């Protein structure tokens, strides 16, 4: 129930933002678009850096060598 409510509220905010953006003058709209692109690139870089830092902290298990063993059950 709450999940659907939150989805609808986020959708409403997105639509409101797009509507406000539509009435902006072209020069301002271009600046906002460029700003959005910069923010998206920054967020991508931050997310990649966080993932890299998390991967550095996790120790990889060492590879073990296995040998074939013949067993005679007779």
Protein backbone atom coordinates (compact mmCIF):
# COMPACT_ATOMS: atom_id res chain seq x y z
CA UNK A 1 0.00 0.00 0.00
CA UNK A 2 2.70 2.48 0.99
CA UNK A 3 4.89 1.41 -1.92
CA UNK A 4 2.19 2.34 -4.44
CA UNK A 5 1.58 5.65 -2.68
CA UNK A 6 5.28 6.52 -2.79
CA UNK A 7 5.51 5.57 -6.47
CA UNK A 8 2.57 7.82 -7.30
CA UNK A 9 3.97 10.72 -5.27
CA UNK A 10 7.34 10.46 -7.01
CA UNK A 11 5.60 10.31 -10.38
CA UNK A 12 3.57 13.42 -9.47
CA UNK A 13 6.73 15.31 -8.51
CA UNK A 14 8.42 14.32 -11.77
CA UNK A 15 5.42 15.51 -13.78
CA UNK A 16 5.32 18.76 -11.82
CA UNK A 17 9.03 19.34 -12.51
CA UNK A 18 8.56 18.65 -16.22
CA UNK A 19 5.59 21.03 -16.37
CA UNK A 20 7.58 23.84 -14.75
CA UNK A 21 10.45 23.15 -17.12
CA UNK A 22 8.10 23.49 -20.11
CA UNK A 23 7.20 27.08 -19.25
CA UNK A 24 10.80 28.21 -18.76
CA UNK A 25 12.42 30.41 -21.41
CA UNK A 26 14.65 28.52 -23.86
CA UNK A 27 17.91 29.94 -22.51
CA UNK A 28 17.06 28.91 -18.95
CA UNK A 29 15.81 25.51 -20.13
CA UNK A 30 19.14 24.85 -21.89
CA UNK A 31 21.07 25.79 -18.75
CA UNK A 32 18.89 23.48 -16.65
CA UNK A 33 19.40 20.64 -19.14
CA UNK A 34 23.18 21.13 -19.07
CA UNK A 35 23.11 21.24 -15.28
CA UNK A 36 21.09 18.00 -15.17
CA UNK A 37 23.59 16.27 -17.46
CA UNK A 38 26.45 17.37 -15.24
CA UNK A 39 24.67 16.14 -12.13
CA UNK A 40 23.96 12.75 -13.72
CA UNK A 41 27.62 12.35 -14.69
CA UNK A 42 28.71 13.33 -11.19
CA UNK A 43 26.34 10.82 -9.61
CA UNK A 44 27.61 8.07 -11.93
CA UNK A 45 31.19 8.84 -10.93
CA UNK A 46 30.31 8.81 -7.24
CA UNK A 47 28.42 5.52 -7.56
CA UNK A 48 31.34 3.89 -9.39
CA UNK A 49 33.77 5.13 -6.75
CA UNK A 50 31.61 3.73 -3.95
CA UNK A 51 31.40 0.36 -5.68
CA UNK A 52 35.17 0.30 -6.20
CA UNK A 53 35.81 1.14 -2.54
CA UNK A 54 33.44 -1.60 -1.43
CA UNK A 55 35.14 -4.13 -3.71
CA UNK A 56 38.55 -3.19 -2.34
CA UNK A 57 37.43 -3.96 1.22
CA UNK A 58 36.18 -7.44 0.37
CA UNK A 59 38.93 -10.00 0.47
CA UNK A 60 38.84 -12.47 -2.37
CA UNK A 61 39.12 -16.08 -1.23
CA UNK A 62 42.42 -17.59 -2.24
CA UNK A 63 42.30 -20.21 -4.93
CA UNK A 64 43.02 -23.69 -3.70
CA UNK A 65 44.60 -26.36 -5.75
CA UNK A 66 42.82 -29.68 -5.93
CA UNK A 67 44.35 -32.99 -6.89
CA UNK A 68 42.70 -36.07 -8.28
CA UNK A 69 42.73 -38.98 -5.83
CA UNK A 70 42.24 -42.60 -6.80
CA UNK A 71 40.44 -44.66 -4.15
CA UNK A 72 40.20 -48.42 -4.33
CA UNK A 73 37.11 -49.70 -2.45
CA UNK A 74 37.75 -53.40 -3.02
